[in-house]
Amino acid sequence: MVGVGRTTSREVREMVDRVVVGYDTSPESAAAVRWAATYAAARGWDLDVVHVWGFAGQEGGGAGTSWLGQQVRAQVADVAEEGAAVAREGPRVPADAVHAHVAHGRPALVLADLAADARLVVVGRRGAGGRLNALLGSVTTGVLHRSRCPVAVVPVDGPHLPGMGGEPVLVGFDGSPGSFGALEAGYDHAARAGVPLSALTAWSTVDQSASPGYWLLGYPGRSPAEVALDEAERVLERARSWSAARHDVEVGLEVVEGRPAQVLERRSRHAGLVVVGTRGRGGFASLALGSTSRSVVQRAHCPVLVTRTATGVAEEEPPQRARAAASV
């Protein structure tokens, strides 16, 4: 049975154990549905497959009540059911945990609103390379900027079964509150999938030598590379302290030379999931998807999970954070 989703105000809501995924019959959305179904089933959560069509605030999305309008509405409902059927094809996906919905309005706004109390919203992506907006499409880009819950972006040619191939979870860590949230999310996924967790801190002499602090404070007898590497090591030490109390997942910590986005994109070829954080909490007031997150979402070779900084966590980045590991 197809439910009709209605947009509501973006008040703070109690979180519900469910995943929301958009479906529009495209290969990108089918890949997103398959990935979301496996992700939700592994956690015992419900999956809401949503097809967004028509105009908000109008009867049947604008189709009306005529015979022709009823036929259009039936076809739209069939699309939502088709998406739910794709989800139920997955292994160990309970059929009664998958729900089909039709909602009316602008897709990015509707999906972000319907997922306001969800654990995750999932959208598809066409492939690697290209300009961000052209590659991701307005819906995916809009959901990334507006969603208050974590967002998973699944490439059409990426792995559809999280963790089934044994690939590690890759986390970009820069010592910011957002990257600690990414560590927690990556750890949870790795533990559930039984795969290793790899946390990377990147450093770059270009970033370091360009920073005002390097030239104003001065580091006598030390090159920009030495300073950048030392700062990156100090940042990674915070991740090492975090991982010391977590023994049920194999955690690898590594400092890697290069720009953060390029490092994560390169390593994503051999990962099952990349997890990155943001500086903001979503919504109109905070379109704060950092440059690293934008680039990784655009070009990664596997699904990317973009976490959100928890409400109440200071968004100002710690002063000791490595400049080389640019904000994720």
Protein backbone atom coordinates (compact mmCIF):
# COMPACT_ATOMS: atom_id res chain seq x y z
CA MET A 1 0.00 0.00 0.00
CA VAL A 2 1.29 3.42 -0.96
CA GLY A 3 1.27 6.14 1.66
CA VAL A 4 0.99 9.79 0.82
CA GLY A 5 3.74 11.86 2.39
CA ARG A 6 3.00 15.41 3.48
CA THR A 7 5.59 18.06 4.09
CA THR A 8 5.54 19.55 7.57
CA SER A 9 7.39 22.32 9.37
CA ARG A 10 11.03 21.68 10.18
CA GLU A 11 10.64 21.58 13.95
CA VAL A 12 12.90 19.43 16.10
CA ARG A 13 11.50 15.90 16.12
CA GLU A 14 12.29 12.76 18.02
CA MET A 15 14.47 10.46 15.94
CA VAL A 16 12.80 7.38 14.45
CA ASP A 17 14.63 4.20 13.45
CA ARG A 18 14.04 4.46 9.73
CA VAL A 19 15.84 5.27 6.49
CA VAL A 20 14.36 7.46 3.75
CA VAL A 21 15.38 6.95 0.13
CA GLY A 22 14.22 8.72 -3.01
CA TYR A 23 13.16 6.73 -6.10
CA ASP A 24 12.27 7.98 -9.60
CA THR A 25 12.87 4.85 -11.78
CA SER A 26 16.38 5.98 -12.80
CA PRO A 27 19.35 3.59 -12.42
CA GLU A 28 20.84 6.04 -9.90
CA SER A 29 17.79 5.87 -7.66
CA ALA A 30 17.59 2.08 -7.99
CA ALA A 31 21.19 1.81 -6.79
CA ALA A 32 20.33 4.08 -3.86
CA VAL A 33 17.29 1.97 -2.96
CA ARG A 34 19.29 -1.29 -2.96
CA TRP A 35 22.00 0.20 -0.78
CA ALA A 36 19.49 1.79 1.60
CA ALA A 37 17.57 -1.48 1.93
CA THR A 38 20.67 -3.40 2.98
CA TYR A 39 21.75 -0.62 5.34
CA ALA A 40 18.34 -0.47 7.04
CA ALA A 41 17.95 -4.25 7.26
CA ALA A 42 21.34 -4.63 8.96
CA ARG A 43 20.07 -2.36 11.74
CA GLY A 44 16.50 -3.61 11.96
CA TRP A 45 15.16 -0.26 10.77
CA ASP A 46 12.22 0.48 8.49
CA LEU A 47 12.80 1.78 4.96
CA ASP A 48 10.60 4.45 3.41
CA VAL A 49 10.86 4.52 -0.39
CA VAL A 50 9.58 7.91 -1.53
CA HIS A 51 8.56 9.01 -5.01
CA VAL A 52 8.10 12.77 -5.22
CA TRP A 53 5.79 14.08 -7.93
CA GLY A 54 3.63 17.09 -8.70
CA PHE A 55 2.93 20.21 -6.71
CA ALA A 56 2.59 20.65 -2.97
CA GLY A 57 -0.78 21.85 -1.66
CA GLN A 58 -2.80 20.68 -4.67
CA GLU A 59 -5.21 17.77 -4.93
CA GLY A 60 -3.25 14.71 -6.03
CA GLY A 61 -0.20 16.86 -6.63
CA GLY A 62 -2.10 18.75 -9.31
CA ALA A 63 -3.50 15.73 -11.13
CA GLY A 64 -6.99 16.55 -9.91
CA THR A 65 -9.93 14.17 -9.50
CA SER A 66 -10.91 13.59 -13.13
CA TRP A 67 -10.66 10.16 -14.74
CA LEU A 68 -7.37 11.16 -16.37
CA GLY A 69 -6.10 12.55 -13.09
CA GLN A 70 -6.92 9.29 -11.34
CA GLN A 71 -4.94 7.38 -13.97
CA VAL A 72 -1.97 9.65 -13.47
CA ARG A 73 -2.14 9.21 -9.71
CA ALA A 74 -2.30 5.43 -10.12
CA GLN A 75 0.80 5.48 -12.32
CA VAL A 76 2.63 7.61 -9.77
CA ALA A 77 1.69 5.16 -7.03
CA ASP A 78 3.01 2.33 -9.21
CA VAL A 79 6.40 4.06 -9.36
CA ALA A 80 6.61 4.14 -5.57
CA GLU A 81 5.62 0.48 -5.38
CA GLU A 82 8.24 -0.35 -8.00
CA GLY A 83 10.88 1.26 -5.80
CA ALA A 84 9.67 -0.73 -2.79
CA ALA A 85 9.86 -3.92 -4.85
CA VAL A 86 13.48 -3.12 -5.73
CA ALA A 87 14.23 -2.78 -2.03
CA ARG A 88 12.57 -6.09 -1.17
CA GLU A 89 14.81 -7.91 -3.66
CA GLY A 90 17.76 -7.45 -1.31
CA PRO A 91 19.00 -10.29 0.89
CA ARG A 92 17.64 -10.34 4.44
CA VAL A 93 15.35 -7.36 3.78
CA PRO A 94 12.02 -7.97 5.59
CA ALA A 95 9.18 -7.22 3.19
CA ASP A 96 7.02 -5.68 5.92
CA ALA A 97 9.78 -3.22 6.84
CA VAL A 98 9.68 -1.56 3.40
CA HIS A 99 7.06 1.12 2.79
CA ALA A 100 6.19 2.95 -0.43
CA HIS A 101 5.20 6.62 -0.31
CA VAL A 102 4.14 9.29 -2.76
CA ALA A 103 4.80 12.91 -1.80
CA HIS A 104 4.16 16.17 -3.61
CA GLY A 105 6.43 19.17 -3.98
CA ARG A 106 10.04 19.91 -4.87
CA PRO A 107 11.97 16.63 -4.44
CA ALA A 108 14.96 17.98 -2.49
CA LEU A 109 12.75 19.90 -0.06
CA VAL A 110 10.33 17.01 0.38
CA LEU A 111 13.01 14.36 0.96
CA ALA A 112 14.88 16.55 3.43
CA ASP A 113 11.68 17.30 5.31
CA LEU A 114 10.42 13.72 5.39
CA ALA A 115 13.82 12.62 6.69
CA ALA A 116 13.95 15.26 9.44
CA ASP A 117 13.29 12.59 12.09
CA ALA A 118 14.99 9.71 10.25
CA ARG A 119 18.37 8.17 10.95
CA LEU A 120 19.49 8.53 7.33
CA VAL A 121 18.40 9.77 3.92
CA VAL A 122 19.86 8.12 0.80
CA VAL A 123 20.14 9.54 -2.71
CA GLY A 124 21.83 8.38 -5.90
CA ARG A 125 24.69 9.70 -8.01
CA ARG A 126 25.59 9.12 -11.64
CA GLY A 127 29.31 8.40 -11.47
CA ALA A 128 32.78 9.83 -10.86
CA GLY A 129 34.04 13.08 -12.35
CA GLY A 130 32.41 16.22 -13.67
CA ARG A 131 31.07 19.37 -12.05
CA LEU A 132 29.27 18.94 -8.74
CA ASN A 133 25.81 20.22 -9.63
CA ALA A 134 25.82 18.70 -13.12
CA LEU A 135 27.02 15.37 -11.77
CA LEU A 136 24.86 15.04 -8.68
CA GLY A 137 21.76 16.73 -9.98
CA SER A 138 19.69 19.35 -8.20
CA VAL A 139 17.89 16.82 -5.99
CA THR A 140 21.02 15.22 -4.56
CA THR A 141 22.72 18.57 -4.13
CA GLY A 142 19.63 20.03 -2.47
CA VAL A 143 19.27 17.14 -0.05
CA LEU A 144 22.94 17.39 0.91
CA HIS A 145 22.57 21.06 1.75
CA ARG A 146 19.19 20.92 3.47
CA SER A 147 19.02 17.62 5.33
CA ARG A 148 19.27 17.69 9.11
CA CYS A 149 20.09 13.99 9.29
CA PRO A 150 23.08 12.15 7.77
CA VAL A 151 23.01 11.72 3.99
CA ALA A 152 24.35 8.75 2.03
CA VAL A 153 25.18 9.32 -1.64
CA VAL A 154 25.42 6.12 -3.67
CA PRO A 155 27.12 6.07 -7.11
CA VAL A 156 25.28 4.07 -9.73
CA ASP A 157 28.37 1.92 -10.31
CA GLY A 158 29.38 1.62 -6.65
CA PRO A 159 29.00 -1.29 -4.19
CA HIS A 160 25.35 -1.99 -3.38
CA LEU A 161 25.90 -4.22 -0.37
CA PRO A 162 27.67 -2.37 2.46
CA GLY A 163 30.50 -4.43 3.92
CA MET A 164 29.70 -7.60 1.97
CA GLY A 165 33.02 -7.46 0.12
CA GLY A 166 35.06 -6.92 3.26
CA GLU A 167 36.27 -3.50 2.13
CA PRO A 168 37.19 -1.13 4.97
CA VAL A 169 35.26 1.93 6.06
CA LEU A 170 37.32 5.03 5.30
CA VAL A 171 36.99 8.14 7.48
CA GLY A 172 38.47 11.57 6.83
CA PHE A 173 39.68 12.98 10.16
CA ASP A 174 40.86 16.55 10.78
CA GLY A 175 40.23 16.92 14.51
CA SER A 176 37.08 19.03 14.08
CA PRO A 177 33.77 18.18 15.81
CA GLY A 178 32.40 17.07 12.45
CA SER A 179 35.22 14.59 11.92
CA PHE A 180 34.66 13.08 15.37
CA GLY A 181 31.05 12.52 14.33
CA ALA A 182 32.33 10.86 11.17
CA LEU A 183 34.54 8.59 13.27
CA GLU A 184 31.58 7.50 15.39
CA ALA A 185 29.44 6.80 12.33
CA GLY A 186 32.26 4.96 10.59
CA TYR A 187 32.91 2.87 13.68
CA ASP A 188 29.24 1.90 13.92
CA HIS A 189 29.15 0.81 10.29
CA ALA A 190 32.43 -1.11 10.51
CA ALA A 191 31.29 -2.93 13.66
CA ARG A 192 27.98 -3.97 12.10
CA ALA A 193 29.58 -5.05 8.82
CA GLY A 194 32.56 -6.77 10.46
CA VAL A 195 35.10 -4.79 8.45
CA PRO A 196 38.13 -2.65 9.42
CA LEU A 197 37.97 1.09 9.99
CA SER A 198 40.65 3.30 8.46
CA ALA A 199 41.02 6.92 9.64
CA LEU A 200 43.14 9.21 7.49
CA THR A 201 44.59 12.63 8.25
CA ALA A 202 46.02 14.42 5.23
CA TRP A 203 48.72 17.06 5.15
CA SER A 204 49.94 19.34 2.40
CA THR A 205 52.86 21.74 2.17
CA VAL A 206 50.76 23.93 -0.10
CA ASP A 207 48.14 24.44 2.60
CA GLN A 208 50.72 24.88 5.35
CA SER A 209 53.00 27.36 3.61
CA ALA A 210 49.97 29.40 2.56
CA SER A 211 48.71 29.76 6.13
CA PRO A 212 49.29 33.14 7.81
CA GLY A 213 50.31 31.40 11.02
CA TYR A 214 53.31 29.80 9.40
CA TRP A 215 54.78 33.10 8.28
CA LEU A 216 53.69 35.20 11.28
CA LEU A 217 54.79 32.81 14.01
CA GLY A 218 57.75 31.38 12.19
CA TYR A 219 59.33 27.97 12.64
CA PRO A 220 63.11 28.57 12.61
CA GLY A 221 65.05 25.81 10.94
CA ARG A 222 61.95 23.87 9.96
CA SER A 223 60.44 23.47 6.54
CA PRO A 224 56.72 23.82 5.81
CA ALA A 225 56.61 20.05 5.20
CA GLU A 226 58.02 19.29 8.65
CA VAL A 227 55.56 21.63 10.35
CA ALA A 228 52.58 20.30 8.39
CA LEU A 229 53.50 16.70 9.12
CA ASP A 230 53.93 17.38 12.84
CA GLU A 231 50.56 19.11 13.04
CA ALA A 232 48.89 16.26 11.18
CA GLU A 233 50.46 13.76 13.58
CA ARG A 234 49.10 15.74 16.52
CA VAL A 235 45.64 15.72 14.98
CA LEU A 236 45.77 11.98 14.38
CA GLU A 237 46.80 11.45 18.00
CA ARG A 238 43.32 12.61 18.95
CA ALA A 239 41.85 9.84 16.82
CA ARG A 240 44.27 7.39 18.44
CA SER A 241 43.00 8.39 21.88
CA TRP A 242 39.44 7.98 20.66
CA SER A 243 40.09 4.49 19.29
CA ALA A 244 41.94 3.22 22.38
CA ALA A 245 38.69 2.24 24.12
CA ARG A 246 37.21 0.51 21.07
CA HIS A 247 38.48 -3.02 20.69
CA ASP A 248 35.81 -4.81 18.63
CA VAL A 249 36.84 -3.16 15.35
CA GLU A 250 40.25 -3.18 13.70
CA VAL A 251 41.17 0.52 13.50
CA GLY A 252 43.95 1.76 11.26
CA LEU A 253 45.27 5.31 11.64
CA GLU A 254 47.38 6.93 8.96
CA VAL A 255 48.86 10.30 8.06
CA VAL A 256 48.94 10.74 4.29
CA GLU A 257 50.55 13.47 2.20
CA GLY A 258 48.16 15.26 -0.13
CA ARG A 259 45.02 17.33 -0.22
CA PRO A 260 42.28 15.69 1.92
CA ALA A 261 39.76 15.36 -0.90
CA GLN A 262 42.28 13.87 -3.31
CA VAL A 263 43.53 11.40 -0.71
CA LEU A 264 40.02 10.21 0.14
CA GLU A 265 38.99 10.00 -3.50
CA ARG A 266 42.04 7.88 -4.34
CA ARG A 267 41.59 5.56 -1.36
CA SER A 268 37.86 5.17 -2.04
CA ARG A 269 38.69 2.77 -4.88
CA HIS A 270 39.44 0.15 -2.24
CA ALA A 271 36.81 1.10 0.36
CA GLY A 272 33.24 0.00 0.92
CA LEU A 273 32.17 3.32 2.40
CA VAL A 274 33.71 6.76 2.90
CA VAL A 275 32.51 8.82 5.87
CA VAL A 276 33.01 12.57 6.09
CA GLY A 277 31.63 15.29 8.34
CA THR A 278 30.29 18.78 7.86
CA ARG A 279 30.63 22.02 9.74
CA GLY A 280 26.90 22.75 9.83
CA ARG A 281 23.62 21.14 10.83
CA GLY A 282 21.69 21.57 7.59
CA GLY A 283 18.77 23.87 6.88
CA PHE A 284 18.55 27.23 5.13
CA ALA A 285 20.73 29.01 7.70
CA SER A 286 23.71 26.73 7.33
CA LEU A 287 24.65 25.57 3.85
CA ALA A 288 27.98 24.47 5.25
CA LEU A 289 28.97 21.40 3.27
CA GLY A 290 32.76 21.80 3.35
CA SER A 291 34.95 21.73 0.27
CA THR A 292 36.38 18.31 1.09
CA SER A 293 32.94 16.76 1.57
CA ARG A 294 31.68 18.29 -1.67
CA SER A 295 34.59 16.94 -3.67
CA VAL A 296 34.51 13.48 -2.10
CA VAL A 297 30.75 13.15 -2.64
CA GLN A 298 31.28 14.15 -6.25
CA ARG A 299 34.16 11.83 -7.11
CA ALA A 300 34.35 8.89 -4.70
CA HIS A 301 34.27 5.40 -6.18
CA CYS A 302 32.07 4.01 -3.40
CA PRO A 303 29.10 5.28 -1.36
CA VAL A 304 29.77 8.34 0.81
CA LEU A 305 28.11 8.97 4.16
CA VAL A 306 27.97 12.66 5.12
CA THR A 307 27.35 13.02 8.85
CA ARG A 308 26.04 16.03 10.71
CA THR A 309 27.55 17.76 13.73
CA ALA A 310 25.25 17.08 16.66
CA THR A 311 23.15 19.99 17.86
CA GLY A 312 24.92 21.70 20.69
CA VAL A 313 28.43 20.77 19.58
CA ALA A 314 30.56 23.83 19.06
CA GLU A 315 30.98 24.52 15.37
CA GLU A 316 34.07 26.63 15.90
CA GLU A 317 37.04 24.48 15.03
CA PRO A 318 39.75 23.86 17.65
CA PRO A 319 42.78 26.15 17.19
CA GLN A 320 45.20 23.21 17.39
CA ARG A 321 43.63 21.48 14.43
CA ALA A 322 46.04 20.80 11.53
CA ARG A 323 45.61 23.37 8.81
CA ALA A 324 46.72 20.82 6.25
CA ALA A 325 43.70 18.63 6.96
CA ALA A 326 41.19 21.05 5.51
CA SER A 327 37.67 21.06 6.92
CA VAL A 328 35.71 18.05 5.81
